[in-house]
């Protein structure tokens, strides 16, 4: 039974892209940095969140389906300090 589960598991993930055959998308340290931010008991710092976001964002072309259109994401401009202070009041 376990052999059948392994075979099914391998088949279901065999079509996933990788950056280089035989190598993973992330290095172990990069993977661990992402997991530290995603763990439900974790309270990651802003720096840790920034690092995890950067790692995933850099690998987006490998992680996303080639069939989907990958447009660069545009974000609205950040508010100025004055605008933020006005919102507080």
PDB file of N, CA and C in Angstrom:
ATOM      1  N   UNK A   1       0.820  -1.195   0.000  1.00  0.00           N
ATOM      2  CA  UNK A   1       0.000   0.000   0.000  1.00  0.00           C
ATOM      3  C   UNK A   1       0.862   1.255   0.000  1.00  0.00           C
ATOM      4  N   UNK A   2       1.942   1.277   0.793  1.00  0.00           N
ATOM      5  CA  UNK A   2       2.801   2.445   0.866  1.00  0.00           C
ATOM      6  C   UNK A   2       3.469   2.721  -0.474  1.00  0.00           C
ATOM      7  N   UNK A   3       3.814   1.685  -1.206  1.00  0.00           N
ATOM      8  CA  UNK A   3       4.425   1.859  -2.518  1.00  0.00           C
ATOM      9  C   UNK A   3       3.461   2.550  -3.469  1.00  0.00           C
ATOM     10  N   UNK A   4       2.200   2.199  -3.416  1.00  0.00           N
ATOM     11  CA  UNK A   4       1.203   2.843  -4.261  1.00  0.00           C
ATOM     12  C   UNK A   4       1.034   4.318  -3.930  1.00  0.00           C
ATOM     13  N   UNK A   5       1.097   4.646  -2.647  1.00  0.00           N
ATOM     14  CA  UNK A   5       0.986   6.041  -2.225  1.00  0.00           C
ATOM     15  C   UNK A   5       2.190   6.829  -2.728  1.00  0.00           C
ATOM     16  N   UNK A   6       3.374   6.240  -2.614  1.00  0.00           N
ATOM     17  CA  UNK A   6       4.588   6.912  -3.098  1.00  0.00           C
ATOM     18  C   UNK A   6       4.515   7.160  -4.597  1.00  0.00           C
ATOM     19  N   UNK A   7       4.068   6.165  -5.335  1.00  0.00           N
ATOM     20  CA  UNK A   7       3.954   6.306  -6.790  1.00  0.00           C
ATOM     21  C   UNK A   7       2.961   7.399  -7.146  1.00  0.00           C
ATOM     22  N   UNK A   8       1.814   7.412  -6.482  1.00  0.00           N
ATOM     23  CA  UNK A   8       0.812   8.446  -6.731  1.00  0.00           C
ATOM     24  C   UNK A   8       1.368   9.821  -6.394  1.00  0.00           C
ATOM     25  N   UNK A   9       2.081   9.910  -5.281  1.00  0.00           N
ATOM     26  CA  UNK A   9       2.684  11.174  -4.862  1.00  0.00           C
ATOM     27  C   UNK A   9       3.683  11.669  -5.901  1.00  0.00           C
ATOM     28  N   UNK A  10       4.541  10.776  -6.373  1.00  0.00           N
ATOM     29  CA  UNK A  10       5.539  11.149  -7.384  1.00  0.00           C
ATOM     30  C   UNK A  10       4.872  11.603  -8.678  1.00  0.00           C
ATOM     31  N   UNK A  11       3.836  10.898  -9.103  1.00  0.00           N
ATOM     32  CA  UNK A  11       3.138  11.267 -10.334  1.00  0.00           C
ATOM     33  C   UNK A  11       2.474  12.635 -10.212  1.00  0.00           C
ATOM     34  N   UNK A  12       1.874  12.902  -9.057  1.00  0.00           N
ATOM     35  CA  UNK A  12       1.160  14.165  -8.896  1.00  0.00           C
ATOM     36  C   UNK A  12       2.094  15.368  -8.872  1.00  0.00           C
ATOM     37  N   UNK A  13       3.348  15.162  -8.483  1.00  0.00           N
ATOM     38  CA  UNK A  13       4.290  16.269  -8.423  1.00  0.00           C
ATOM     39  C   UNK A  13       5.353  16.210  -9.511  1.00  0.00           C
ATOM     40  N   UNK A  14       5.256  15.252 -10.401  1.00  0.00           N
ATOM     41  CA  UNK A  14       6.278  15.120 -11.440  1.00  0.00           C
ATOM     42  C   UNK A  14       6.208  16.229 -12.476  1.00  0.00           C
ATOM     43  N   UNK A  15       5.051  16.872 -12.618  1.00  0.00           N
ATOM     44  CA  UNK A  15       4.922  17.919 -13.619  1.00  0.00           C
ATOM     45  C   UNK A  15       5.248  19.302 -13.082  1.00  0.00           C
ATOM     46  N   UNK A  16       5.658  19.400 -11.810  1.00  0.00           N
ATOM     47  CA  UNK A  16       6.020  20.700 -11.265  1.00  0.00           C
ATOM     48  C   UNK A  16       7.352  21.157 -11.847  1.00  0.00           C
ATOM     49  N   UNK A  17       7.460  22.443 -12.189  1.00  0.00           N
ATOM     50  CA  UNK A  17       8.722  22.938 -12.736  1.00  0.00           C
ATOM     51  C   UNK A  17       9.772  23.072 -11.642  1.00  0.00           C
ATOM     52  N   UNK A  18      11.002  23.009 -12.036  1.00  0.00           N
ATOM     53  CA  UNK A  18      12.091  23.278 -11.111  1.00  0.00           C
ATOM     54  C   UNK A  18      13.110  24.135 -11.835  1.00  0.00           C
ATOM     55  N   UNK A  19      13.919  24.836 -11.081  1.00  0.00           N
ATOM     56  CA  UNK A  19      14.879  25.736 -11.701  1.00  0.00           C
ATOM     57  C   UNK A  19      15.930  24.949 -12.472  1.00  0.00           C
ATOM     58  N   UNK A  20      16.388  23.845 -11.927  1.00  0.00           N
ATOM     59  CA  UNK A  20      17.351  22.974 -12.575  1.00  0.00           C
ATOM     60  C   UNK A  20      16.982  21.552 -12.212  1.00  0.00           C
ATOM     61  N   UNK A  21      16.926  20.645 -13.199  1.00  0.00           N
ATOM     62  CA  UNK A  21      16.576  19.270 -12.851  1.00  0.00           C
ATOM     63  C   UNK A  21      17.497  18.708 -11.773  1.00  0.00           C
ATOM     64  N   UNK A  22      16.904  18.088 -10.762  1.00  0.00           N
ATOM     65  CA  UNK A  22      17.680  17.494  -9.688  1.00  0.00           C
ATOM     66  C   UNK A  22      17.980  18.459  -8.562  1.00  0.00           C
ATOM     67  N   UNK A  23      17.741  19.726  -8.767  1.00  0.00           N
ATOM     68  CA  UNK A  23      17.972  20.714  -7.719  1.00  0.00           C
ATOM     69  C   UNK A  23      16.640  21.352  -7.370  1.00  0.00           C
ATOM     70  N   UNK A  24      16.522  21.800  -6.157  1.00  0.00           N
ATOM     71  CA  UNK A  24      15.292  22.434  -5.728  1.00  0.00           C
ATOM     72  C   UNK A  24      15.215  23.885  -6.167  1.00  0.00           C
ATOM     73  N   UNK A  25      14.077  24.463  -5.929  1.00  0.00           N
ATOM     74  CA  UNK A  25      13.861  25.861  -6.254  1.00  0.00           C
ATOM     75  C   UNK A  25      14.574  26.743  -5.231  1.00  0.00           C
ATOM     76  N   UNK A  26      14.539  26.338  -3.965  1.00  0.00           N
ATOM     77  CA  UNK A  26      15.153  27.109  -2.897  1.00  0.00           C
ATOM     78  C   UNK A  26      16.314  26.339  -2.272  1.00  0.00           C
ATOM     79  N   UNK A  27      17.272  27.079  -1.742  1.00  0.00           N
ATOM     80  CA  UNK A  27      18.309  26.480  -0.908  1.00  0.00           C
ATOM     81  C   UNK A  27      17.677  26.211   0.454  1.00  0.00           C
ATOM     82  N   UNK A  28      18.296  25.349   1.244  1.00  0.00           N
ATOM     83  CA  UNK A  28      17.725  24.986   2.543  1.00  0.00           C
ATOM     84  C   UNK A  28      17.530  26.205   3.436  1.00  0.00           C
ATOM     85  N   UNK A  29      18.473  27.117   3.470  1.00  0.00           N
ATOM     86  CA  UNK A  29      18.360  28.315   4.316  1.00  0.00           C
ATOM     87  C   UNK A  29      17.206  29.207   3.851  1.00  0.00           C
ATOM     88  N   UNK A  30      17.014  29.305   2.540  1.00  0.00           N
ATOM     89  CA  UNK A  30      15.911  30.107   2.003  1.00  0.00           C
ATOM     90  C   UNK A  30      14.571  29.486   2.370  1.00  0.00           C
ATOM     91  N   UNK A  31      14.482  28.175   2.216  1.00  0.00           N
ATOM     92  CA  UNK A  31      13.256  27.443   2.551  1.00  0.00           C
ATOM     93  C   UNK A  31      12.922  27.623   4.034  1.00  0.00           C
ATOM     94  N   UNK A  32      13.930  27.509   4.884  1.00  0.00           N
ATOM     95  CA  UNK A  32      13.718  27.669   6.322  1.00  0.00           C
ATOM     96  C   UNK A  32      13.262  29.083   6.665  1.00  0.00           C
ATOM     97  N   UNK A  33      13.806  30.090   5.974  1.00  0.00           N
ATOM     98  CA  UNK A  33      13.401  31.478   6.214  1.00  0.00           C
ATOM     99  C   UNK A  33      11.920  31.666   5.895  1.00  0.00           C
ATOM    100  N   UNK A  34      11.465  31.048   4.824  1.00  0.00           N
ATOM    101  CA  UNK A  34      10.053  31.146   4.454  1.00  0.00           C
ATOM    102  C   UNK A  34       9.185  30.410   5.470  1.00  0.00           C
ATOM    103  N   UNK A  35       9.606  29.222   5.873  1.00  0.00           N
ATOM    104  CA  UNK A  35       8.826  28.454   6.857  1.00  0.00           C
ATOM    105  C   UNK A  35       8.718  29.178   8.190  1.00  0.00           C
ATOM    106  N   UNK A  36       9.784  29.853   8.606  1.00  0.00           N
ATOM    107  CA  UNK A  36       9.739  30.594   9.866  1.00  0.00           C
ATOM    108  C   UNK A  36       8.626  31.645   9.839  1.00  0.00           C
ATOM    109  N   UNK A  37       8.401  32.237   8.698  1.00  0.00           N
ATOM    110  CA  UNK A  37       7.348  33.261   8.594  1.00  0.00           C
ATOM    111  C   UNK A  37       5.955  32.653   8.491  1.00  0.00           C
ATOM    112  N   UNK A  38       5.854  31.477   7.934  1.00  0.00           N
ATOM    113  CA  UNK A  38       4.545  30.861   7.707  1.00  0.00           C
ATOM    114  C   UNK A  38       4.040  30.040   8.886  1.00  0.00           C
ATOM    115  N   UNK A  39       4.922  29.679   9.799  1.00  0.00           N
ATOM    116  CA  UNK A  39       4.501  28.830  10.915  1.00  0.00           C
ATOM    117  C   UNK A  39       3.477  29.572  11.770  1.00  0.00           C
ATOM    118  N   UNK A  40       2.362  28.903  12.121  1.00  0.00           N
ATOM    119  CA  UNK A  40       1.289  29.579  12.856  1.00  0.00           C
ATOM    120  C   UNK A  40       1.695  30.087  14.240  1.00  0.00           C
ATOM    121  N   UNK A  41       2.707  29.490  14.858  1.00  0.00           N
ATOM    122  CA  UNK A  41       3.144  29.932  16.182  1.00  0.00           C
ATOM    123  C   UNK A  41       4.207  31.022  16.116  1.00  0.00           C
ATOM    124  N   UNK A  42       4.663  31.350  14.927  1.00  0.00           N
ATOM    125  CA  UNK A  42       5.752  32.315  14.772  1.00  0.00           C
ATOM    126  C   UNK A  42       5.232  33.746  14.803  1.00  0.00           C
ATOM    127  N   UNK A  43       6.060  34.631  15.263  1.00  0.00           N
ATOM    128  CA  UNK A  43       5.802  36.065  15.198  1.00  0.00           C
ATOM    129  C   UNK A  43       7.032  36.696  14.545  1.00  0.00           C
ATOM    130  N   UNK A  44       7.138  36.555  13.221  1.00  0.00           N
ATOM    131  CA  UNK A  44       8.354  37.010  12.543  1.00  0.00           C
ATOM    132  C   UNK A  44       8.491  38.532  12.576  1.00  0.00           C
ATOM    133  N   UNK A  45       9.747  38.964  12.558  1.00  0.00           N
ATOM    134  CA  UNK A  45      10.021  40.399  12.521  1.00  0.00           C
ATOM    135  C   UNK A  45       9.753  40.921  11.113  1.00  0.00           C
ATOM    136  N   UNK A  46       9.763  42.216  10.981  1.00  0.00           N
ATOM    137  CA  UNK A  46       9.553  42.831   9.676  1.00  0.00           C
ATOM    138  C   UNK A  46      10.665  42.402   8.717  1.00  0.00           C
ATOM    139  N   UNK A  47      11.881  42.320   9.209  1.00  0.00           N
ATOM    140  CA  UNK A  47      13.007  41.910   8.371  1.00  0.00           C
ATOM    141  C   UNK A  47      12.836  40.477   7.870  1.00  0.00           C
ATOM    142  N   UNK A  48      12.352  39.586   8.739  1.00  0.00           N
ATOM    143  CA  UNK A  48      12.133  38.200   8.336  1.00  0.00           C
ATOM    144  C   UNK A  48      11.015  38.110   7.290  1.00  0.00           C
ATOM    145  N   UNK A  49       9.971  38.891   7.464  1.00  0.00           N
ATOM    146  CA  UNK A  49       8.882  38.908   6.486  1.00  0.00           C
ATOM    147  C   UNK A  49       9.373  39.447   5.147  1.00  0.00           C
ATOM    148  N   UNK A  50      10.178  40.506   5.193  1.00  0.00           N
ATOM    149  CA  UNK A  50      10.737  41.075   3.965  1.00  0.00           C
ATOM    150  C   UNK A  50      11.585  40.053   3.222  1.00  0.00           C
ATOM    151  N   UNK A  51      12.407  39.329   3.965  1.00  0.00           N
ATOM    152  CA  UNK A  51      13.274  38.317   3.356  1.00  0.00           C
ATOM    153  C   UNK A  51      12.449  37.197   2.722  1.00  0.00           C
ATOM    154  N   UNK A  52      11.432  36.715   3.424  1.00  0.00           N
ATOM    155  CA  UNK A  52      10.586  35.651   2.885  1.00  0.00           C
ATOM    156  C   UNK A  52       9.852  36.119   1.634  1.00  0.00           C
ATOM    157  N   UNK A  53       9.340  37.329   1.658  1.00  0.00           N
ATOM    158  CA  UNK A  53       8.647  37.870   0.486  1.00  0.00           C
ATOM    159  C   UNK A  53       9.607  37.975  -0.697  1.00  0.00           C
ATOM    160  N   UNK A  54      10.801  38.481  -0.446  1.00  0.00           N
ATOM    161  CA  UNK A  54      11.789  38.635  -1.507  1.00  0.00           C
ATOM    162  C   UNK A  54      12.138  37.284  -2.130  1.00  0.00           C
ATOM    163  N   UNK A  55      12.322  36.268  -1.294  1.00  0.00           N
ATOM    164  CA  UNK A  55      12.681  34.937  -1.788  1.00  0.00           C
ATOM    165  C   UNK A  55      11.583  34.368  -2.689  1.00  0.00           C
ATOM    166  N   UNK A  56      10.345  34.459  -2.253  1.00  0.00           N
ATOM    167  CA  UNK A  56       9.238  33.918  -3.045  1.00  0.00           C
ATOM    168  C   UNK A  56       9.052  34.740  -4.314  1.00  0.00           C
ATOM    169  N   UNK A  57       9.167  36.053  -4.192  1.00  0.00           N
ATOM    170  CA  UNK A  57       8.961  36.922  -5.353  1.00  0.00           C
ATOM    171  C   UNK A  57      10.037  36.683  -6.426  1.00  0.00           C
ATOM    172  N   UNK A  58      11.271  36.432  -6.000  1.00  0.00           N
ATOM    173  CA  UNK A  58      12.347  36.161  -6.962  1.00  0.00           C
ATOM    174  C   UNK A  58      12.117  34.870  -7.732  1.00  0.00           C
ATOM    175  N   UNK A  59      11.462  33.904  -7.124  1.00  0.00           N
ATOM    176  CA  UNK A  59      11.248  32.592  -7.749  1.00  0.00           C
ATOM    177  C   UNK A  59       9.879  32.474  -8.402  1.00  0.00           C
ATOM    178  N   UNK A  60       9.161  33.587  -8.542  1.00  0.00           N
ATOM    179  CA  UNK A  60       7.777  33.520  -9.034  1.00  0.00           C
ATOM    180  C   UNK A  60       7.672  32.906 -10.415  1.00  0.00           C
ATOM    181  N   UNK A  61       8.649  33.123 -11.283  1.00  0.00           N
ATOM    182  CA  UNK A  61       8.567  32.559 -12.633  1.00  0.00           C
ATOM    183  C   UNK A  61       8.671  31.040 -12.616  1.00  0.00           C
ATOM    184  N   UNK A  62       9.396  30.507 -11.652  1.00  0.00           N
ATOM    185  CA  UNK A  62       9.516  29.051 -11.527  1.00  0.00           C
ATOM    186  C   UNK A  62       8.305  28.480 -10.809  1.00  0.00           C
ATOM    187  N   UNK A  63       7.760  29.238  -9.853  1.00  0.00           N
ATOM    188  CA  UNK A  63       6.663  28.738  -9.038  1.00  0.00           C
ATOM    189  C   UNK A  63       5.303  28.858  -9.711  1.00  0.00           C
ATOM    190  N   UNK A  64       5.133  29.825 -10.602  1.00  0.00           N
ATOM    191  CA  UNK A  64       3.838  30.029 -11.256  1.00  0.00           C
ATOM    192  C   UNK A  64       3.720  29.196 -12.524  1.00  0.00           C
ATOM    193  N   UNK A  65       2.505  28.934 -12.897  1.00  0.00           N
ATOM    194  CA  UNK A  65       2.229  28.181 -14.115  1.00  0.00           C
ATOM    195  C   UNK A  65       2.649  29.006 -15.325  1.00  0.00           C
ATOM    196  N   UNK A  66       3.247  28.361 -16.305  1.00  0.00           N
ATOM    197  CA  UNK A  66       3.669  29.049 -17.523  1.00  0.00           C
ATOM    198  C   UNK A  66       2.463  29.455 -18.358  1.00  0.00           C
ATOM    199  N   UNK A  67       1.330  28.804 -18.154  1.00  0.00           N
ATOM    200  CA  UNK A  67       0.129  29.109 -18.917  1.00  0.00           C
ATOM    201  C   UNK A  67      -0.484  30.441 -18.500  1.00  0.00           C
ATOM    202  N   UNK A  68      -0.287  30.801 -17.251  1.00  0.00           N
ATOM    203  CA  UNK A  68      -0.845  32.052 -16.759  1.00  0.00           C
ATOM    204  C   UNK A  68       0.022  33.215 -17.214  1.00  0.00           C
ATOM    205  N   UNK A  69      -0.628  34.305 -17.474  1.00  0.00           N
ATOM    206  CA  UNK A  69       0.097  35.497 -17.876  1.00  0.00           C
ATOM    207  C   UNK A  69       0.706  36.130 -16.625  1.00  0.00           C
ATOM    208  N   UNK A  70       1.990  36.374 -16.652  1.00  0.00           N
ATOM    209  CA  UNK A  70       2.657  36.959 -15.494  1.00  0.00           C
ATOM    210  C   UNK A  70       2.999  38.409 -15.787  1.00  0.00           C
ATOM    211  N   UNK A  71       2.087  39.279 -15.406  1.00  0.00           N
ATOM    212  CA  UNK A  71       2.312  40.714 -15.564  1.00  0.00           C
ATOM    213  C   UNK A  71       3.006  41.233 -14.312  1.00  0.00           C
ATOM    214  N   UNK A  72       3.875  42.200 -14.476  1.00  0.00           N
ATOM    215  CA  UNK A  72       4.469  42.800 -13.276  1.00  0.00           C
ATOM    216  C   UNK A  72       3.380  43.482 -12.449  1.00  0.00           C
ATOM    217  N   UNK A  73       3.449  43.305 -11.174  1.00  0.00           N
ATOM    218  CA  UNK A  73       2.461  43.892 -10.294  1.00  0.00           C
ATOM    219  C   UNK A  73       2.807  45.355 -10.057  1.00  0.00           C
ATOM    220  N   UNK A  74       1.830  46.200 -10.175  1.00  0.00           N
ATOM    221  CA  UNK A  74       2.031  47.609  -9.863  1.00  0.00           C
ATOM    222  C   UNK A  74       1.293  47.923  -8.578  1.00  0.00           C
ATOM    223  N   UNK A  75       1.921  48.697  -7.757  1.00  0.00           N
ATOM    224  CA  UNK A  75       1.357  49.056  -6.468  1.00  0.00           C
ATOM    225  C   UNK A  75       1.085  50.562  -6.452  1.00  0.00           C
ATOM    226  N   UNK A  76       0.087  50.993  -5.698  1.00  0.00           N
ATOM    227  CA  UNK A  76      -0.159  52.429  -5.602  1.00  0.00           C
ATOM    228  C   UNK A  76       1.004  53.104  -4.886  1.00  0.00           C
ATOM    229  N   UNK A  77       1.205  54.393  -5.123  1.00  0.00           N
ATOM    230  CA  UNK A  77       2.313  55.079  -4.452  1.00  0.00           C
ATOM    231  C   UNK A  77       2.102  55.098  -2.945  1.00  0.00           C
ATOM    232  N   UNK A  78       3.193  55.061  -2.209  1.00  0.00           N
ATOM    233  CA  UNK A  78       3.109  55.089  -0.756  1.00  0.00           C
ATOM    234  C   UNK A  78       2.703  56.481  -0.294  1.00  0.00           C
ATOM    235  N   UNK A  79       1.889  56.569   0.749  1.00  0.00           N
ATOM    236  CA  UNK A  79       1.491  57.882   1.252  1.00  0.00           C
ATOM    237  C   UNK A  79       2.672  58.586   1.921  1.00  0.00           C
ATOM    238  N   UNK A  80       2.637  59.901   1.904  1.00  0.00           N
ATOM    239  CA  UNK A  80       3.679  60.679   2.559  1.00  0.00           C
ATOM    240  C   UNK A  80       3.437  60.662   4.056  1.00  0.00           C
ATOM    241  N   UNK A  81       4.426  61.134   4.797  1.00  0.00           N
ATOM    242  CA  UNK A  81       4.299  61.202   6.252  1.00  0.00           C
ATOM    243  C   UNK A  81       3.150  62.118   6.648  1.00  0.00           C
ATOM    244  N   UNK A  82       2.978  63.211   5.916  1.00  0.00           N
ATOM    245  CA  UNK A  82       1.879  64.135   6.216  1.00  0.00           C
ATOM    246  C   UNK A  82       0.525  63.463   6.027  1.00  0.00           C
ATOM    247  N   UNK A  83       0.374  62.694   4.962  1.00  0.00           N
ATOM    248  CA  UNK A  83      -0.889  62.001   4.715  1.00  0.00           C
ATOM    249  C   UNK A  83      -1.174  60.975   5.799  1.00  0.00           C
ATOM    250  N   UNK A  84      -0.131  60.284   6.243  1.00  0.00           N
ATOM    251  CA  UNK A  84      -0.313  59.304   7.312  1.00  0.00           C
ATOM    252  C   UNK A  84      -0.728  59.978   8.622  1.00  0.00           C
ATOM    253  N   UNK A  85      -0.134  61.123   8.920  1.00  0.00           N
ATOM    254  CA  UNK A  85      -0.500  61.844  10.136  1.00  0.00           C
ATOM    255  C   UNK A  85      -1.943  62.357  10.071  1.00  0.00           C
ATOM    256  N   UNK A  86      -2.393  62.774   8.895  1.00  0.00           N
ATOM    257  CA  UNK A  86      -3.769  63.232   8.730  1.00  0.00           C
ATOM    258  C   UNK A  86      -4.748  62.087   8.972  1.00  0.00           C
ATOM    259  N   UNK A  87      -4.385  60.893   8.563  1.00  0.00           N
ATOM    260  CA  UNK A  87      -5.265  59.720   8.745  1.00  0.00           C
ATOM    261  C   UNK A  87      -5.424  59.377  10.229  1.00  0.00           C
ATOM    262  N   UNK A  88      -4.395  59.652  11.022  1.00  0.00           N
ATOM    263  CA  UNK A  88      -4.433  59.324  12.452  1.00  0.00           C
ATOM    264  C   UNK A  88      -5.486  60.126  13.193  1.00  0.00           C
ATOM    265  N   UNK A  89      -5.736  61.337  12.750  1.00  0.00           N
ATOM    266  CA  UNK A  89      -6.644  62.236  13.478  1.00  0.00           C
ATOM    267  C   UNK A  89      -8.086  61.918  13.237  1.00  0.00           C
TER     268      UNK A  89
END
